[in-house]
Structures are given as structure tokens and as C-alpha cells.
Amino acid sequence: MKLSADLKALEARLGHTFSRPDLLVRAVTHSSMSSPTRQDNQRLEFLGDRVLGLVMSEALLEHDKSAAEGTLAPRFNALVRKEACADVAREIDLGEALKLGRSEMMSGGRRKEALLGDAMEAVLAAVYRDAGFDVAKALILRLWGARVHTVDADARDPKTSLQEWAQARKLPPPKYELVKRSGPDHAPVFTIAAKLENGASAQATDNSKRKAEQAAASALLAQVNS
């Protein structure tokens, strides 16, 4: 199989030449483009998530040989969650190589965090299937770069930290409400309010609803801890 120009360019950005180019094609094919003769990237995404997890686990253990599990777990989650994968995908312009159906493309699929994160995991699995674990590990460590060494010692999701704060004070879990949605369908902007039963609240805005919720939780945490 001969790769298209955009996939050859992606190969160059990855720094890996595929002996089985069909794996890369499958890794960038969204389910909106699947057909009986064209496989999508969902199964590769499943595998890539596990490959990434093993590499990050080993890297964190090597980086901090004395860290307890309770310290390593939030660092691990910060490195493997969908946002981190999407950030890496943006750095290598993975979105430009995605194979999307018309409706997904028209709705801004090349910029969607979930699609980018899933595709990044699928690409990692494609490299693993193509060349083995050692090559995939080297590629992951190169792409994730300094993230392993700079991840916060307490990298817990702000929503988790806020919920733990509320539980410690015998309050119900915080609630997240959509205050406003603006912008076109292909690039929506969400304003989310995080609220506690004691009346405390904070808002945040982002083009990702999940990021807006996290930012609102972080703002509310800062407020109640000040």
C-alpha cells in the first residue's frame, strides 16, 4: 500500500516509517468513515491506551524511585488521559491526517479533543503492531517529552479534588451546570458553573465542556481554600 502525501508527512513527524502502511491508515480512520472494506481505529485505540499506560507506568517508576502509589496514580492519570493525548496529537498535527466522514468534518472533527485523543492512542498501537514494544516506547517517550518530568506531584483532576473537599466536609458532590453555549456548531464555546451546596460557585469558559468543568472546579477550589 502506498501512503497519501498527508500520511507520508505524518510518518515524518512521527519519526517512524511503517513497514505495514495499512496500520497507519486504519489508525487515522474515524468510525464515520468506516465501511465493510475500510476498518476504523477503535480497536487500535483500545490497544494504544494499554501500550501508553505501560510506558507511562515504567517511566514514572524510573523517574521517581521513592514515590508511593498514591503519588504515582494522579501523575499517571494526568499523562494518559484524553487531554494529554490530544495535546500531543496537536503537536504533530495529527488532525490534518484524520479520515473523517462529511458530517464529522463539517462539525470541526479535526479539532475535537476526543477524536484527537482517540486517534493518538490508535497511532501508538499502530506503531506497536508495526515494530514492537521497544520502538513504540521510544516514540511515546519522545512525543511526551518533558511531561513525565514536569507533571505536578499532585496531578489529580480538579473535579476529583473538589469532590474530595466536599466529602471531607460532609457536603454533597458539587454540581456542574451549563450556563451558556455560544459560537458555531463546529467551534462551540461552553460556560460552566461549578456549585457547592454551601452556596459557593465559580464559572469557567472553554471550547471543551470537560475542560470548562475542570477549570470551574479549579477556580472553586482556589476560592474555598483561600
Protein backbone atom coordinates (compact mmCIF):
# COMPACT_ATOMS: atom_id res chain seq x y z
CA MET A 1 0.00 0.00 0.00
CA LYS A 2 1.24 3.47 -0.92
CA LEU A 3 0.53 6.21 1.60
CA SER A 4 -1.04 9.51 0.59
CA ALA A 5 1.01 12.70 0.90
CA ASP A 6 -0.62 13.72 4.19
CA LEU A 7 0.15 10.35 5.75
CA LYS A 8 3.73 10.41 4.47
CA ALA A 9 4.07 13.80 6.16
CA LEU A 10 2.61 12.35 9.37
CA GLU A 11 5.11 9.48 9.18
CA ALA A 12 7.90 12.05 9.04
CA ARG A 13 6.54 13.94 12.04
CA LEU A 14 6.27 10.69 13.97
CA GLY A 15 9.78 9.69 13.01
CA HIS A 16 8.64 6.18 12.10
CA THR A 17 8.36 4.63 8.64
CA PHE A 18 5.71 1.91 8.60
CA SER A 19 6.53 -1.45 7.09
CA ARG A 20 2.75 -2.04 7.17
CA PRO A 21 1.26 1.27 5.97
CA ASP A 22 -2.26 -0.12 6.33
CA LEU A 23 -1.86 0.16 10.10
CA LEU A 24 -1.36 3.92 9.89
CA VAL A 25 -4.30 4.28 7.52
CA ARG A 26 -6.51 2.41 9.98
CA ALA A 27 -5.21 4.44 12.93
CA VAL A 28 -6.36 7.73 11.38
CA THR A 29 -9.72 6.44 10.12
CA HIS A 30 -12.64 7.59 12.27
CA SER A 31 -15.75 5.43 12.59
CA SER A 32 -17.65 7.96 10.45
CA MET A 33 -15.52 6.74 7.52
CA SER A 34 -15.68 3.02 8.22
CA SER A 35 -17.18 0.58 5.73
CA PRO A 36 -17.10 -3.17 5.04
CA THR A 37 -13.80 -2.63 3.25
CA ARG A 38 -12.39 0.13 5.48
CA GLN A 39 -11.65 -0.53 9.16
CA ASP A 40 -11.85 2.30 11.67
CA ASN A 41 -9.42 3.00 14.52
CA GLN A 42 -11.48 1.90 17.52
CA ARG A 43 -9.75 -1.43 18.12
CA LEU A 44 -6.33 0.18 17.74
CA GLU A 45 -7.38 2.91 20.17
CA PHE A 46 -8.18 0.21 22.75
CA LEU A 47 -4.73 -1.32 22.34
CA GLY A 48 -2.90 2.01 22.23
CA ASP A 49 -4.39 3.06 25.55
CA ARG A 50 -2.80 -0.04 27.15
CA VAL A 51 0.57 0.46 25.45
CA LEU A 52 0.67 4.09 26.58
CA GLY A 53 -0.30 3.05 30.11
CA LEU A 54 2.54 0.56 30.40
CA VAL A 55 5.12 3.00 29.05
CA MET A 56 3.99 5.79 31.38
CA SER A 57 3.92 3.45 34.38
CA GLU A 58 7.51 2.39 33.76
CA ALA A 59 8.62 5.97 33.09
CA LEU A 60 7.11 7.28 36.32
CA LEU A 61 8.65 4.49 38.39
CA GLU A 62 12.04 5.22 36.84
CA HIS A 63 11.69 8.98 37.28
CA ASP A 64 10.80 8.84 40.99
CA LYS A 65 12.04 5.66 42.63
CA SER A 66 10.66 6.55 46.07
CA ALA A 67 7.15 7.76 45.16
CA ALA A 68 4.24 5.94 46.76
CA GLU A 69 1.33 4.58 44.73
CA GLY A 70 -0.87 7.40 45.97
CA THR A 71 1.53 9.90 44.43
CA LEU A 72 2.14 7.97 41.22
CA ALA A 73 -1.52 7.37 40.40
CA PRO A 74 -2.55 11.01 39.85
CA ARG A 75 0.64 11.66 37.85
CA PHE A 76 -0.15 8.64 35.70
CA ASN A 77 -3.73 9.78 35.13
CA ALA A 78 -2.52 13.24 34.09
CA LEU A 79 -0.16 11.74 31.49
CA VAL A 80 -2.55 9.24 29.88
CA ARG A 81 -5.90 11.00 29.98
CA LYS A 82 -7.55 12.08 26.76
CA GLU A 83 -6.50 15.73 27.12
CA ALA A 84 -2.81 14.78 27.26
CA CYS A 85 -3.14 12.55 24.21
CA ALA A 86 -4.97 15.31 22.34
CA ASP A 87 -2.23 17.82 23.23
CA VAL A 88 0.41 15.52 21.76
CA ALA A 89 -1.79 14.95 18.70
CA ARG A 90 -1.93 18.72 18.13
CA GLU A 91 1.84 19.00 18.38
CA ILE A 92 2.26 16.58 15.49
CA ASP A 93 -0.72 17.96 13.51
CA LEU A 94 -2.47 14.61 13.65
CA GLY A 95 -5.81 16.28 12.97
CA GLU A 96 -4.75 17.16 9.44
CA ALA A 97 -4.33 13.47 8.61
CA LEU A 98 -7.62 12.19 10.08
CA LYS A 99 -10.01 10.42 7.72
CA LEU A 100 -13.47 11.71 8.67
CA GLY A 101 -16.98 11.44 7.29
CA ARG A 102 -18.51 14.61 5.88
CA SER A 103 -20.72 15.40 8.89
CA GLU A 104 -17.83 14.91 11.33
CA MET A 105 -15.55 17.05 9.19
CA MET A 106 -18.15 19.83 8.91
CA SER A 107 -18.60 19.88 12.70
CA GLY A 108 -14.88 20.54 13.28
CA GLY A 109 -13.82 16.95 13.90
CA ARG A 110 -10.17 17.66 13.16
CA ARG A 111 -10.05 19.87 16.27
CA LYS A 112 -12.21 17.80 18.61
CA GLU A 113 -10.33 16.71 21.70
CA ALA A 114 -11.95 13.28 21.92
CA LEU A 115 -11.22 12.45 18.27
CA LEU A 116 -7.63 13.64 18.53
CA GLY A 117 -7.02 11.73 21.76
CA ASP A 118 -8.52 8.54 20.36
CA ALA A 119 -6.54 8.82 17.14
CA MET A 120 -3.31 9.44 19.05
CA GLU A 121 -3.82 6.23 21.00
CA ALA A 122 -4.60 4.39 17.77
CA VAL A 123 -1.39 5.66 16.17
CA LEU A 124 0.62 4.42 19.16
CA ALA A 125 -0.96 1.00 18.75
CA ALA A 126 -0.19 1.06 15.03
CA VAL A 127 3.49 1.69 15.77
CA TYR A 128 3.45 -1.09 18.37
CA ARG A 129 1.87 -3.56 15.94
CA ASP A 130 4.24 -2.47 13.17
CA ALA A 131 7.56 -2.52 15.03
CA GLY A 132 7.14 -3.86 18.54
CA PHE A 133 7.12 -2.51 22.07
CA ASP A 134 10.61 -1.03 22.22
CA VAL A 135 10.03 1.15 19.16
CA ALA A 136 6.61 2.24 20.44
CA LYS A 137 8.10 3.03 23.84
CA ALA A 138 10.85 5.17 22.35
CA LEU A 139 8.33 7.06 20.24
CA ILE A 140 5.99 7.66 23.21
CA LEU A 141 8.80 8.94 25.43
CA ARG A 142 9.95 11.27 22.66
CA LEU A 143 6.48 12.62 21.93
CA TRP A 144 5.52 13.04 25.60
CA GLY A 145 8.95 14.58 26.21
CA ALA A 146 9.35 16.57 29.42
CA ARG A 147 5.77 15.89 30.52
CA VAL A 148 6.94 12.89 32.55
CA HIS A 149 9.39 15.05 34.49
CA THR A 150 7.24 18.13 34.91
CA VAL A 151 3.86 16.58 35.74
CA ASP A 152 2.64 18.01 39.04
CA ALA A 153 3.31 15.90 42.13
CA ASP A 154 -0.41 16.18 42.84
CA ALA A 155 -1.89 15.97 39.35
CA ARG A 156 -5.37 14.98 40.37
CA ASP A 157 -8.25 16.14 38.22
CA PRO A 158 -9.65 19.34 39.80
CA LYS A 159 -13.14 17.81 39.76
CA THR A 160 -11.89 14.89 41.85
CA SER A 161 -10.13 17.22 44.28
CA LEU A 162 -13.25 19.38 44.64
CA GLN A 163 -15.41 16.33 45.29
CA GLU A 164 -12.97 15.12 47.95
CA TRP A 165 -13.03 18.60 49.53
CA ALA A 166 -16.83 18.48 49.68
CA GLN A 167 -16.91 14.92 51.07
CA ALA A 168 -14.44 15.82 53.82
CA ARG A 169 -16.92 18.49 54.97
CA LYS A 170 -19.94 16.19 54.63
CA LEU A 171 -21.30 18.16 51.68
CA PRO A 172 -22.98 16.56 48.65
CA PRO A 173 -20.86 16.29 45.49
CA PRO A 174 -20.50 19.54 43.51
CA LYS A 175 -22.87 20.19 40.63
CA TYR A 176 -21.89 21.41 37.16
CA GLU A 177 -24.36 23.49 35.17
CA LEU A 178 -24.15 24.73 31.60
CA VAL A 179 -24.58 28.50 31.90
CA LYS A 180 -24.16 29.33 28.23
CA ARG A 181 -23.22 27.81 24.92
CA SER A 182 -22.09 30.13 22.14
CA GLY A 183 -20.20 30.03 18.87
CA PRO A 184 -20.91 27.99 15.72
CA ASP A 185 -21.63 24.27 15.85
CA HIS A 186 -18.16 23.40 14.56
CA ALA A 187 -16.45 25.51 17.26
CA PRO A 188 -18.74 25.77 20.32
CA VAL A 189 -17.78 27.66 23.48
CA PHE A 190 -19.11 26.47 26.83
CA THR A 191 -19.51 28.42 30.06
CA ILE A 192 -19.86 26.07 33.02
CA ALA A 193 -20.66 26.84 36.66
CA ALA A 194 -19.39 24.61 39.46
CA LYS A 195 -21.57 24.86 42.56
CA LEU A 196 -21.44 23.57 46.13
CA GLU A 197 -24.41 23.16 48.44
CA ASN A 198 -22.96 25.79 50.79
CA GLY A 199 -23.55 28.43 48.09
CA ALA A 200 -20.00 28.74 46.79
CA SER A 201 -19.71 28.74 42.99
CA ALA A 202 -17.31 29.60 40.16
CA GLN A 203 -17.52 29.74 36.38
CA ALA A 204 -15.14 28.99 33.54
CA THR A 205 -15.30 29.05 29.75
CA ASP A 206 -13.63 26.78 27.19
CA ASN A 207 -14.34 25.22 23.81
CA SER A 208 -14.34 21.82 25.54
CA LYS A 209 -17.15 21.18 28.02
CA ARG A 210 -14.91 18.89 30.06
CA LYS A 211 -12.12 21.46 30.23
CA ALA A 212 -14.62 24.15 31.24
CA GLU A 213 -15.85 21.90 34.06
CA GLN A 214 -12.28 21.28 35.21
CA ALA A 215 -11.42 24.97 35.09
CA ALA A 216 -14.57 25.85 37.03
CA ALA A 217 -13.71 23.20 39.65
CA SER A 218 -10.16 24.54 39.89
CA ALA A 219 -11.45 28.10 40.35
CA LEU A 220 -13.91 26.97 43.01
CA LEU A 221 -11.19 25.03 44.83
CA ALA A 222 -8.99 28.13 44.89
CA GLN A 223 -11.92 30.14 46.20
CA VAL A 224 -12.86 27.82 49.07
CA ASN A 225 -9.22 27.30 50.06
CA SER A 226 -8.31 30.99 50.10
